[in-house]
Amino acid sequence: MEIEIPKNYNVRRLRRWLNYELSSSVLFLLSWFWNITIILMFIAAFVFIPFMLKVLIEEKRFGWIIFFLVIVVMPMIIFFVVNMDSSYKYFLSLIILAFFYFYCFVLKLTIRDW
């Protein structure tokens, strides 16, 4: 007995998870009021990133991976390298988080066409 996996199974799974991930963008708006939401959003992002990258690699969407490196990873490297006041680091971390959720939003819009 063979198990048949549909052709776009990974893409559909990524699309479904992007729906959940984008609901975390509501937490971004709430983050101005609660520090715990920032922590939850970072945890959600770090848990989601390996799955998202796995699907992008399997689907051979290397342009999306490069876009991810430019829009999310490079600012994160700058965040760790630059020595600045802690209040500036807090706002820079919010900007990095906003870039990640923007990336997820754009990915969700284009994944329907795959």
PDB file of N, CA and C in Angstrom:
ATOM      1  N   MET A   1       0.844  -1.177   0.000  1.00  0.00           N
ATOM      2  CA  MET A   1       0.000   0.000   0.000  1.00  0.00           C
ATOM      3  C   MET A   1       0.888   1.239   0.000  1.00  0.00           C
ATOM      4  N   GLU A   2       0.719   2.097  -0.975  1.00  0.00           N
ATOM      5  CA  GLU A   2       1.504   3.314  -1.081  1.00  0.00           C
ATOM      6  C   GLU A   2       0.694   4.509  -0.589  1.00  0.00           C
ATOM      7  N   ILE A   3       1.401   5.391   0.049  1.00  0.00           N
ATOM      8  CA  ILE A   3       0.782   6.633   0.493  1.00  0.00           C
ATOM      9  C   ILE A   3       1.117   7.690  -0.547  1.00  0.00           C
ATOM     10  N   GLU A   4       0.089   8.323  -1.065  1.00  0.00           N
ATOM     11  CA  GLU A   4       0.301   9.321  -2.100  1.00  0.00           C
ATOM     12  C   GLU A   4       0.259  10.717  -1.479  1.00  0.00           C
ATOM     13  N   ILE A   5       1.325  11.468  -1.703  1.00  0.00           N
ATOM     14  CA  ILE A   5       1.413  12.833  -1.192  1.00  0.00           C
ATOM     15  C   ILE A   5       1.158  13.778  -2.356  1.00  0.00           C
ATOM     16  N   PRO A   6       0.191  14.694  -2.197  1.00  0.00           N
ATOM     17  CA  PRO A   6      -0.079  15.643  -3.279  1.00  0.00           C
ATOM     18  C   PRO A   6       1.156  16.469  -3.610  1.00  0.00           C
ATOM     19  N   LYS A   7       1.202  16.958  -4.854  1.00  0.00           N
ATOM     20  CA  LYS A   7       2.374  17.673  -5.352  1.00  0.00           C
ATOM     21  C   LYS A   7       2.676  18.931  -4.550  1.00  0.00           C
ATOM     22  N   ASN A   8       1.686  19.709  -4.217  1.00  0.00           N
ATOM     23  CA  ASN A   8       1.881  20.981  -3.530  1.00  0.00           C
ATOM     24  C   ASN A   8       1.625  20.881  -2.035  1.00  0.00           C
ATOM     25  N   TYR A   9       1.880  19.739  -1.472  1.00  0.00           N
ATOM     26  CA  TYR A   9       1.603  19.528  -0.050  1.00  0.00           C
ATOM     27  C   TYR A   9       2.370  20.508   0.836  1.00  0.00           C
ATOM     28  N   ASN A  10       3.673  20.657   0.590  1.00  0.00           N
ATOM     29  CA  ASN A  10       4.479  21.564   1.414  1.00  0.00           C
ATOM     30  C   ASN A  10       4.050  23.010   1.249  1.00  0.00           C
ATOM     31  N   VAL A  11       3.707  23.398   0.039  1.00  0.00           N
ATOM     32  CA  VAL A  11       3.265  24.773  -0.196  1.00  0.00           C
ATOM     33  C   VAL A  11       1.962  25.040   0.552  1.00  0.00           C
ATOM     34  N   ARG A  12       1.042  24.084   0.512  1.00  0.00           N
ATOM     35  CA  ARG A  12      -0.220  24.269   1.243  1.00  0.00           C
ATOM     36  C   ARG A  12       0.008  24.328   2.744  1.00  0.00           C
ATOM     37  N   ARG A  13       0.932  23.517   3.250  1.00  0.00           N
ATOM     38  CA  ARG A  13       1.243  23.577   4.685  1.00  0.00           C
ATOM     39  C   ARG A  13       1.837  24.919   5.056  1.00  0.00           C
ATOM     40  N   LEU A  14       2.769  25.413   4.231  1.00  0.00           N
ATOM     41  CA  LEU A  14       3.375  26.724   4.495  1.00  0.00           C
ATOM     42  C   LEU A  14       2.321  27.816   4.457  1.00  0.00           C
ATOM     43  N   ARG A  15       1.422  27.737   3.504  1.00  0.00           N
ATOM     44  CA  ARG A  15       0.351  28.739   3.408  1.00  0.00           C
ATOM     45  C   ARG A  15      -0.519  28.722   4.655  1.00  0.00           C
ATOM     46  N   ARG A  16      -0.847  27.538   5.142  1.00  0.00           N
ATOM     47  CA  ARG A  16      -1.666  27.431   6.353  1.00  0.00           C
ATOM     48  C   ARG A  16      -0.930  28.014   7.555  1.00  0.00           C
ATOM     49  N   TRP A  17       0.357  27.717   7.686  1.00  0.00           N
ATOM     50  CA  TRP A  17       1.126  28.248   8.812  1.00  0.00           C
ATOM     51  C   TRP A  17       1.326  29.748   8.695  1.00  0.00           C
ATOM     52  N   LEU A  18       1.411  30.252   7.469  1.00  0.00           N
ATOM     53  CA  LEU A  18       1.525  31.701   7.302  1.00  0.00           C
ATOM     54  C   LEU A  18       0.272  32.410   7.789  1.00  0.00           C
ATOM     55  N   ASN A  19      -0.870  31.761   7.647  1.00  0.00           N
ATOM     56  CA  ASN A  19      -2.094  32.356   8.188  1.00  0.00           C
ATOM     57  C   ASN A  19      -1.990  32.519   9.699  1.00  0.00           C
ATOM     58  N   TYR A  20      -1.460  31.503  10.381  1.00  0.00           N
ATOM     59  CA  TYR A  20      -1.283  31.600  11.825  1.00  0.00           C
ATOM     60  C   TYR A  20      -0.197  32.601  12.182  1.00  0.00           C
ATOM     61  N   GLU A  21       0.863  32.596  11.393  1.00  0.00           N
ATOM     62  CA  GLU A  21       1.991  33.482  11.668  1.00  0.00           C
ATOM     63  C   GLU A  21       1.569  34.943  11.520  1.00  0.00           C
ATOM     64  N   LEU A  22       0.749  35.230  10.542  1.00  0.00           N
ATOM     65  CA  LEU A  22       0.317  36.607  10.340  1.00  0.00           C
ATOM     66  C   LEU A  22      -0.633  37.069  11.429  1.00  0.00           C
ATOM     67  N   SER A  23      -1.327  36.133  12.061  1.00  0.00           N
ATOM     68  CA  SER A  23      -2.159  36.554  13.181  1.00  0.00           C
ATOM     69  C   SER A  23      -1.292  37.049  14.329  1.00  0.00           C
ATOM     70  N   SER A  24      -0.028  36.661  14.308  1.00  0.00           N
ATOM     71  CA  SER A  24       0.900  37.175  15.309  1.00  0.00           C
ATOM     72  C   SER A  24       1.230  38.635  15.065  1.00  0.00           C
ATOM     73  N   SER A  25       0.949  39.120  13.870  1.00  0.00           N
ATOM     74  CA  SER A  25       1.196  40.537  13.604  1.00  0.00           C
ATOM     75  C   SER A  25       0.281  41.413  14.437  1.00  0.00           C
ATOM     76  N   VAL A  26      -0.856  40.875  14.865  1.00  0.00           N
ATOM     77  CA  VAL A  26      -1.718  41.604  15.797  1.00  0.00           C
ATOM     78  C   VAL A  26      -0.978  41.801  17.113  1.00  0.00           C
ATOM     79  N   LEU A  27      -0.202  40.806  17.493  1.00  0.00           N
ATOM     80  CA  LEU A  27       0.608  40.941  18.698  1.00  0.00           C
ATOM     81  C   LEU A  27       1.615  42.076  18.557  1.00  0.00           C
ATOM     82  N   PHE A  28       2.063  42.318  17.328  1.00  0.00           N
ATOM     83  CA  PHE A  28       3.009  43.405  17.115  1.00  0.00           C
ATOM     84  C   PHE A  28       2.375  44.739  17.500  1.00  0.00           C
ATOM     85  N   LEU A  29       1.124  44.918  17.152  1.00  0.00           N
ATOM     86  CA  LEU A  29       0.437  46.153  17.525  1.00  0.00           C
ATOM     87  C   LEU A  29       0.261  46.248  19.039  1.00  0.00           C
ATOM     88  N   LEU A  30       0.060  45.113  19.670  1.00  0.00           N
ATOM     89  CA  LEU A  30      -0.098  45.094  21.126  1.00  0.00           C
ATOM     90  C   LEU A  30       1.239  45.228  21.854  1.00  0.00           C
ATOM     91  N   SER A  31       2.324  45.047  21.115  1.00  0.00           N
ATOM     92  CA  SER A  31       3.637  45.049  21.752  1.00  0.00           C
ATOM     93  C   SER A  31       3.989  46.397  22.344  1.00  0.00           C
ATOM     94  N   TRP A  32       3.355  47.422  21.887  1.00  0.00           N
ATOM     95  CA  TRP A  32       3.630  48.740  22.445  1.00  0.00           C
ATOM     96  C   TRP A  32       3.123  48.828  23.882  1.00  0.00           C
ATOM     97  N   PHE A  33       2.280  47.885  24.263  1.00  0.00           N
ATOM     98  CA  PHE A  33       1.697  47.919  25.597  1.00  0.00           C
ATOM     99  C   PHE A  33       2.249  46.846  26.524  1.00  0.00           C
ATOM    100  N   TRP A  34       2.658  45.698  25.957  1.00  0.00           N
ATOM    101  CA  TRP A  34       3.116  44.591  26.785  1.00  0.00           C
ATOM    102  C   TRP A  34       4.447  44.060  26.282  1.00  0.00           C
ATOM    103  N   ASN A  35       5.396  43.969  27.182  1.00  0.00           N
ATOM    104  CA  ASN A  35       6.699  43.409  26.798  1.00  0.00           C
ATOM    105  C   ASN A  35       6.629  41.909  26.572  1.00  0.00           C
ATOM    106  N   ILE A  36       5.689  41.245  27.217  1.00  0.00           N
ATOM    107  CA  ILE A  36       5.588  39.790  27.063  1.00  0.00           C
ATOM    108  C   ILE A  36       5.182  39.426  25.639  1.00  0.00           C
ATOM    109  N   THR A  37       4.423  40.290  24.964  1.00  0.00           N
ATOM    110  CA  THR A  37       4.039  39.980  23.589  1.00  0.00           C
ATOM    111  C   THR A  37       5.247  39.997  22.660  1.00  0.00           C
ATOM    112  N   ILE A  38       6.209  40.854  22.949  1.00  0.00           N
ATOM    113  CA  ILE A  38       7.438  40.875  22.148  1.00  0.00           C
ATOM    114  C   ILE A  38       8.150  39.530  22.269  1.00  0.00           C
ATOM    115  N   ILE A  39       8.235  39.037  23.472  1.00  0.00           N
ATOM    116  CA  ILE A  39       8.902  37.749  23.700  1.00  0.00           C
ATOM    117  C   ILE A  39       8.150  36.640  22.972  1.00  0.00           C
ATOM    118  N   LEU A  40       6.832  36.649  23.057  1.00  0.00           N
ATOM    119  CA  LEU A  40       6.032  35.631  22.371  1.00  0.00           C
ATOM    120  C   LEU A  40       6.190  35.716  20.854  1.00  0.00           C
ATOM    121  N   MET A  41       6.282  36.926  20.343  1.00  0.00           N
ATOM    122  CA  MET A  41       6.446  37.089  18.898  1.00  0.00           C
ATOM    123  C   MET A  41       7.809  36.596  18.430  1.00  0.00           C
ATOM    124  N   PHE A  42       8.862  36.851  19.208  1.00  0.00           N
ATOM    125  CA  PHE A  42      10.182  36.344  18.850  1.00  0.00           C
ATOM    126  C   PHE A  42      10.213  34.821  18.912  1.00  0.00           C
ATOM    127  N   ILE A  43       9.587  34.255  19.916  1.00  0.00           N
ATOM    128  CA  ILE A  43       9.530  32.789  20.017  1.00  0.00           C
ATOM    129  C   ILE A  43       8.792  32.204  18.823  1.00  0.00           C
ATOM    130  N   ALA A  44       7.639  32.795  18.469  1.00  0.00           N
ATOM    131  CA  ALA A  44       6.873  32.312  17.317  1.00  0.00           C
ATOM    132  C   ALA A  44       7.690  32.420  16.030  1.00  0.00           C
ATOM    133  N   ALA A  45       8.405  33.507  15.874  1.00  0.00           N
ATOM    134  CA  ALA A  45       9.217  33.691  14.665  1.00  0.00           C
ATOM    135  C   ALA A  45      10.340  32.664  14.604  1.00  0.00           C
ATOM    136  N   PHE A  46      11.057  32.463  15.703  1.00  0.00           N
ATOM    137  CA  PHE A  46      12.177  31.531  15.696  1.00  0.00           C
ATOM    138  C   PHE A  46      11.727  30.082  15.549  1.00  0.00           C
ATOM    139  N   VAL A  47      10.524  29.769  15.989  1.00  0.00           N
ATOM    140  CA  VAL A  47      10.003  28.415  15.801  1.00  0.00           C
ATOM    141  C   VAL A  47       9.566  28.218  14.352  1.00  0.00           C
ATOM    142  N   PHE A  48       9.030  29.264  13.726  1.00  0.00           N
ATOM    143  CA  PHE A  48       8.498  29.170  12.370  1.00  0.00           C
ATOM    144  C   PHE A  48       9.582  29.219  11.291  1.00  0.00           C
ATOM    145  N   ILE A  49      10.657  29.927  11.525  1.00  0.00           N
ATOM    146  CA  ILE A  49      11.692  30.141  10.502  1.00  0.00           C
ATOM    147  C   ILE A  49      12.279  28.832   9.956  1.00  0.00           C
ATOM    148  N   PRO A  50      12.642  27.842  10.769  1.00  0.00           N
ATOM    149  CA  PRO A  50      13.202  26.606  10.190  1.00  0.00           C
ATOM    150  C   PRO A  50      12.223  25.893   9.258  1.00  0.00           C
ATOM    151  N   PHE A  51      10.948  25.847   9.630  1.00  0.00           N
ATOM    152  CA  PHE A  51       9.956  25.208   8.761  1.00  0.00           C
ATOM    153  C   PHE A  51       9.818  25.970   7.451  1.00  0.00           C
ATOM    154  N   MET A  52       9.753  27.288   7.537  1.00  0.00           N
ATOM    155  CA  MET A  52       9.595  28.110   6.349  1.00  0.00           C
ATOM    156  C   MET A  52      10.795  27.931   5.418  1.00  0.00           C
ATOM    157  N   LEU A  53      12.003  27.956   5.966  1.00  0.00           N
ATOM    158  CA  LEU A  53      13.198  27.779   5.145  1.00  0.00           C
ATOM    159  C   LEU A  53      13.257  26.387   4.535  1.00  0.00           C
ATOM    160  N   LYS A  54      12.825  25.375   5.270  1.00  0.00           N
ATOM    161  CA  LYS A  54      12.803  24.008   4.753  1.00  0.00           C
ATOM    162  C   LYS A  54      11.904  23.919   3.525  1.00  0.00           C
ATOM    163  N   VAL A  55      10.720  24.503   3.615  1.00  0.00           N
ATOM    164  CA  VAL A  55       9.793  24.455   2.484  1.00  0.00           C
ATOM    165  C   VAL A  55      10.338  25.259   1.307  1.00  0.00           C
ATOM    166  N   LEU A  56      10.915  26.414   1.574  1.00  0.00           N
ATOM    167  CA  LEU A  56      11.470  27.224   0.487  1.00  0.00           C
ATOM    168  C   LEU A  56      12.621  26.510  -0.210  1.00  0.00           C
ATOM    169  N   ILE A  57      13.442  25.792   0.544  1.00  0.00           N
ATOM    170  CA  ILE A  57      14.536  25.033  -0.059  1.00  0.00           C
ATOM    171  C   ILE A  57      13.987  23.867  -0.880  1.00  0.00           C
ATOM    172  N   GLU A  58      13.005  23.154  -0.334  1.00  0.00           N
ATOM    173  CA  GLU A  58      12.414  22.031  -1.073  1.00  0.00           C
ATOM    174  C   GLU A  58      11.736  22.483  -2.358  1.00  0.00           C
ATOM    175  N   GLU A  59      11.138  23.656  -2.332  1.00  0.00           N
ATOM    176  CA  GLU A  59      10.465  24.185  -3.514  1.00  0.00           C
ATOM    177  C   GLU A  59      11.417  24.938  -4.444  1.00  0.00           C
ATOM    178  N   LYS A  60      12.681  25.021  -4.048  1.00  0.00           N
ATOM    179  CA  LYS A  60      13.721  25.697  -4.826  1.00  0.00           C
ATOM    180  C   LYS A  60      13.360  27.154  -5.100  1.00  0.00           C
ATOM    181  N   ARG A  61      12.923  27.835  -4.057  1.00  0.00           N
ATOM    182  CA  ARG A  61      12.597  29.263  -4.144  1.00  0.00           C
ATOM    183  C   ARG A  61      13.753  30.057  -3.547  1.00  0.00           C
ATOM    184  N   PHE A  62      14.887  30.022  -4.231  1.00  0.00           N
ATOM    185  CA  PHE A  62      16.104  30.626  -3.701  1.00  0.00           C
ATOM    186  C   PHE A  62      16.033  32.147  -3.669  1.00  0.00           C
ATOM    187  N   GLY A  63      15.253  32.741  -4.546  1.00  0.00           N
ATOM    188  CA  GLY A  63      15.053  34.186  -4.497  1.00  0.00           C
ATOM    189  C   GLY A  63      14.394  34.614  -3.200  1.00  0.00           C
ATOM    190  N   TRP A  64      13.452  33.823  -2.730  1.00  0.00           N
ATOM    191  CA  TRP A  64      12.789  34.121  -1.461  1.00  0.00           C
ATOM    192  C   TRP A  64      13.740  33.953  -0.285  1.00  0.00           C
ATOM    193  N   ILE A  65      14.636  32.995  -0.389  1.00  0.00           N
ATOM    194  CA  ILE A  65      15.619  32.795   0.676  1.00  0.00           C
ATOM    195  C   ILE A  65      16.583  33.979   0.723  1.00  0.00           C
ATOM    196  N   ILE A  66      17.028  34.431  -0.436  1.00  0.00           N
ATOM    197  CA  ILE A  66      17.915  35.594  -0.475  1.00  0.00           C
ATOM    198  C   ILE A  66      17.194  36.828   0.047  1.00  0.00           C
ATOM    199  N   PHE A  67      15.936  37.004  -0.335  1.00  0.00           N
ATOM    200  CA  PHE A  67      15.142  38.119   0.166  1.00  0.00           C
ATOM    201  C   PHE A  67      15.022  38.050   1.689  1.00  0.00           C
ATOM    202  N   PHE A  68      14.855  36.853   2.232  1.00  0.00           N
ATOM    203  CA  PHE A  68      14.798  36.670   3.681  1.00  0.00           C
ATOM    204  C   PHE A  68      16.119  37.068   4.332  1.00  0.00           C
ATOM    205  N   LEU A  69      17.215  36.665   3.732  1.00  0.00           N
ATOM    206  CA  LEU A  69      18.525  37.016   4.282  1.00  0.00           C
ATOM    207  C   LEU A  69      18.739  38.525   4.293  1.00  0.00           C
ATOM    208  N   VAL A  70      18.290  39.192   3.242  1.00  0.00           N
ATOM    209  CA  VAL A  70      18.496  40.637   3.142  1.00  0.00           C
ATOM    210  C   VAL A  70      17.581  41.401   4.090  1.00  0.00           C
ATOM    211  N   ILE A  71      16.321  41.013   4.147  1.00  0.00           N
ATOM    212  CA  ILE A  71      15.356  41.823   4.889  1.00  0.00           C
ATOM    213  C   ILE A  71      15.293  41.464   6.373  1.00  0.00           C
ATOM    214  N   VAL A  72      15.700  40.260   6.751  1.00  0.00           N
ATOM    215  CA  VAL A  72      15.583  39.847   8.154  1.00  0.00           C
ATOM    216  C   VAL A  72      16.947  39.552   8.781  1.00  0.00           C
ATOM    217  N   VAL A  73      17.749  38.745   8.142  1.00  0.00           N
ATOM    218  CA  VAL A  73      18.990  38.287   8.760  1.00  0.00           C
ATOM    219  C   VAL A  73      20.034  39.402   8.837  1.00  0.00           C
ATOM    220  N   MET A  74      20.177  40.184   7.767  1.00  0.00           N
ATOM    221  CA  MET A  74      21.175  41.268   7.809  1.00  0.00           C
ATOM    222  C   MET A  74      20.878  42.294   8.902  1.00  0.00           C
ATOM    223  N   PRO A  75      19.632  42.763   9.061  1.00  0.00           N
ATOM    224  CA  PRO A  75      19.369  43.667  10.188  1.00  0.00           C
ATOM    225  C   PRO A  75      19.626  43.006  11.544  1.00  0.00           C
ATOM    226  N   MET A  76      19.391  41.698  11.628  1.00  0.00           N
ATOM    227  CA  MET A  76      19.638  41.000  12.886  1.00  0.00           C
ATOM    228  C   MET A  76      21.138  40.956  13.197  1.00  0.00           C
ATOM    229  N   ILE A  77      21.950  40.764  12.173  1.00  0.00           N
ATOM    230  CA  ILE A  77      23.397  40.779  12.373  1.00  0.00           C
ATOM    231  C   ILE A  77      23.845  42.165  12.824  1.00  0.00           C
ATOM    232  N   ILE A  78      23.296  43.190  12.188  1.00  0.00           N
ATOM    233  CA  ILE A  78      23.618  44.565  12.595  1.00  0.00           C
ATOM    234  C   ILE A  78      23.211  44.795  14.044  1.00  0.00           C
ATOM    235  N   PHE A  79      22.074  44.250  14.439  1.00  0.00           N
ATOM    236  CA  PHE A  79      21.582  44.369  15.811  1.00  0.00           C
ATOM    237  C   PHE A  79      22.595  43.832  16.815  1.00  0.00           C
ATOM    238  N   PHE A  80      23.217  42.694  16.497  1.00  0.00           N
ATOM    239  CA  PHE A  80      24.166  42.089  17.426  1.00  0.00           C
ATOM    240  C   PHE A  80      25.555  42.712  17.362  1.00  0.00           C
ATOM    241  N   VAL A  81      25.907  43.297  16.212  1.00  0.00           N
ATOM    242  CA  VAL A  81      27.248  43.845  16.049  1.00  0.00           C
ATOM    243  C   VAL A  81      27.355  45.266  16.595  1.00  0.00           C
ATOM    244  N   VAL A  82      26.342  46.073  16.346  1.00  0.00           N
ATOM    245  CA  VAL A  82      26.404  47.487  16.725  1.00  0.00           C
ATOM    246  C   VAL A  82      26.226  47.625  18.233  1.00  0.00           C
ATOM    247  N   ASN A  83      27.105  48.412  18.820  1.00  0.00           N
ATOM    248  CA  ASN A  83      27.035  48.672  20.258  1.00  0.00           C
ATOM    249  C   ASN A  83      26.299  49.995  20.463  1.00  0.00           C
ATOM    250  N   MET A  84      25.090  49.899  21.018  1.00  0.00           N
ATOM    251  CA  MET A  84      24.304  51.105  21.222  1.00  0.00           C
ATOM    252  C   MET A  84      23.541  51.015  22.535  1.00  0.00           C
ATOM    253  N   ASP A  85      22.889  52.102  22.876  1.00  0.00           N
ATOM    254  CA  ASP A  85      22.102  52.181  24.093  1.00  0.00           C
ATOM    255  C   ASP A  85      20.977  51.137  24.060  1.00  0.00           C
ATOM    256  N   SER A  86      20.589  50.641  25.212  1.00  0.00           N
ATOM    257  CA  SER A  86      19.591  49.579  25.268  1.00  0.00           C
ATOM    258  C   SER A  86      18.229  50.023  24.750  1.00  0.00           C
ATOM    259  N   SER A  87      17.881  51.299  24.889  1.00  0.00           N
ATOM    260  CA  SER A  87      16.589  51.745  24.374  1.00  0.00           C
ATOM    261  C   SER A  87      16.573  51.714  22.850  1.00  0.00           C
ATOM    262  N   TYR A  88      17.692  52.018  22.218  1.00  0.00           N
ATOM    263  CA  TYR A  88      17.766  51.923  20.773  1.00  0.00           C
ATOM    264  C   TYR A  88      17.713  50.468  20.311  1.00  0.00           C
ATOM    265  N   LYS A  89      18.326  49.591  21.074  1.00  0.00           N
ATOM    266  CA  LYS A  89      18.290  48.172  20.729  1.00  0.00           C
ATOM    267  C   LYS A  89      16.862  47.633  20.792  1.00  0.00           C
ATOM    268  N   TYR A  90      16.085  48.120  21.743  1.00  0.00           N
ATOM    269  CA  TYR A  90      14.688  47.687  21.847  1.00  0.00           C
ATOM    270  C   TYR A  90      13.932  48.070  20.580  1.00  0.00           C
ATOM    271  N   PHE A  91      14.090  49.308  20.119  1.00  0.00           N
ATOM    272  CA  PHE A  91      13.395  49.746  18.918  1.00  0.00           C
ATOM    273  C   PHE A  91      13.922  49.049  17.669  1.00  0.00           C
ATOM    274  N   LEU A  92      15.215  48.779  17.618  1.00  0.00           N
ATOM    275  CA  LEU A  92      15.766  48.040  16.496  1.00  0.00           C
ATOM    276  C   LEU A  92      15.220  46.613  16.466  1.00  0.00           C
ATOM    277  N   SER A  93      15.040  46.003  17.620  1.00  0.00           N
ATOM    278  CA  SER A  93      14.452  44.662  17.654  1.00  0.00           C
ATOM    279  C   SER A  93      13.011  44.690  17.160  1.00  0.00           C
ATOM    280  N   LEU A  94      12.276  45.750  17.451  1.00  0.00           N
ATOM    281  CA  LEU A  94      10.913  45.878  16.930  1.00  0.00           C
ATOM    282  C   LEU A  94      10.917  46.031  15.415  1.00  0.00           C
ATOM    283  N   ILE A  95      11.890  46.757  14.900  1.00  0.00           N
ATOM    284  CA  ILE A  95      11.989  46.930  13.450  1.00  0.00           C
ATOM    285  C   ILE A  95      12.308  45.600  12.769  1.00  0.00           C
ATOM    286  N   ILE A  96      13.215  44.839  13.343  1.00  0.00           N
ATOM    287  CA  ILE A  96      13.549  43.522  12.796  1.00  0.00           C
ATOM    288  C   ILE A  96      12.325  42.619  12.813  1.00  0.00           C
ATOM    289  N   LEU A  97      11.587  42.648  13.892  1.00  0.00           N
ATOM    290  CA  LEU A  97      10.364  41.853  13.989  1.00  0.00           C
ATOM    291  C   LEU A  97       9.346  42.300  12.950  1.00  0.00           C
ATOM    292  N   ALA A  98       9.229  43.596  12.738  1.00  0.00           N
ATOM    293  CA  ALA A  98       8.308  44.118  11.720  1.00  0.00           C
ATOM    294  C   ALA A  98       8.733  43.659  10.329  1.00  0.00           C
ATOM    295  N   PHE A  99      10.032  43.661  10.049  1.00  0.00           N
ATOM    296  CA  PHE A  99      10.524  43.174   8.758  1.00  0.00           C
ATOM    297  C   PHE A  99      10.165  41.706   8.561  1.00  0.00           C
ATOM    298  N   PHE A 100      10.320  40.903   9.609  1.00  0.00           N
ATOM    299  CA  PHE A 100       9.989  39.481   9.492  1.00  0.00           C
ATOM    300  C   PHE A 100       8.517  39.282   9.178  1.00  0.00           C
ATOM    301  N   TYR A 101       7.649  39.969   9.889  1.00  0.00           N
ATOM    302  CA  TYR A 101       6.215  39.804   9.647  1.00  0.00           C
ATOM    303  C   TYR A 101       5.796  40.412   8.314  1.00  0.00           C
ATOM    304  N   PHE A 102       6.488  41.441   7.860  1.00  0.00           N
ATOM    305  CA  PHE A 102       6.248  41.966   6.514  1.00  0.00           C
ATOM    306  C   PHE A 102       6.642  40.915   5.477  1.00  0.00           C
ATOM    307  N   TYR A 103       7.780  40.261   5.684  1.00  0.00           N
ATOM    308  CA  TYR A 103       8.223  39.189   4.791  1.00  0.00           C
ATOM    309  C   TYR A 103       7.176  38.078   4.740  1.00  0.00           C
ATOM    310  N   CYS A 104       6.665  37.676   5.891  1.00  0.00           N
ATOM    311  CA  CYS A 104       5.641  36.634   5.932  1.00  0.00           C
ATOM    312  C   CYS A 104       4.383  37.076   5.184  1.00  0.00           C
ATOM    313  N   PHE A 105       4.017  38.342   5.322  1.00  0.00           N
ATOM    314  CA  PHE A 105       2.839  38.861   4.641  1.00  0.00           C
ATOM    315  C   PHE A 105       3.013  38.808   3.126  1.00  0.00           C
ATOM    316  N   VAL A 106       4.157  39.259   2.637  1.00  0.00           N
ATOM    317  CA  VAL A 106       4.413  39.244   1.196  1.00  0.00           C
ATOM    318  C   VAL A 106       4.487  37.804   0.687  1.00  0.00           C
ATOM    319  N   LEU A 107       5.098  36.926   1.455  1.00  0.00           N
ATOM    320  CA  LEU A 107       5.175  35.515   1.076  1.00  0.00           C
ATOM    321  C   LEU A 107       3.784  34.906   0.999  1.00  0.00           C
ATOM    322  N   LYS A 108       2.938  35.238   1.933  1.00  0.00           N
ATOM    323  CA  LYS A 108       1.571  34.712   1.930  1.00  0.00           C
ATOM    324  C   LYS A 108       0.805  35.190   0.705  1.00  0.00           C
ATOM    325  N   LEU A 109       1.024  36.422   0.298  1.00  0.00           N
ATOM    326  CA  LEU A 109       0.325  36.942  -0.873  1.00  0.00           C
ATOM    327  C   LEU A 109       0.761  36.242  -2.162  1.00  0.00           C
ATOM    328  N   THR A 110       2.027  35.885  -2.245  1.00  0.00           N
ATOM    329  CA  THR A 110       2.533  35.288  -3.483  1.00  0.00           C
ATOM    330  C   THR A 110       2.465  33.764  -3.510  1.00  0.00           C
ATOM    331  N   ILE A 111       2.281  33.149  -2.368  1.00  0.00           N
ATOM    332  CA  ILE A 111       2.320  31.686  -2.322  1.00  0.00           C
ATOM    333  C   ILE A 111       1.105  31.065  -3.017  1.00  0.00           C
ATOM    334  N   ARG A 112       0.039  31.817  -3.149  1.00  0.00           N
ATOM    335  CA  ARG A 112      -1.152  31.295  -3.855  1.00  0.00           C
ATOM    336  C   ARG A 112      -0.840  30.957  -5.309  1.00  0.00           C
ATOM    337  N   ASP A 113       0.074  31.700  -5.907  1.00  0.00           N
ATOM    338  CA  ASP A 113       0.406  31.492  -7.313  1.00  0.00           C
ATOM    339  C   ASP A 113       1.340  30.308  -7.542  1.00  0.00           C
ATOM    340  N   TRP A 114       1.903  29.751  -6.512  1.00  0.00           N
ATOM    341  CA  TRP A 114       2.835  28.639  -6.667  1.00  0.00           C
ATOM    342  C   TRP A 114       2.076  27.376  -7.041  1.00  0.00           C
TER     343      TRP A 114
END
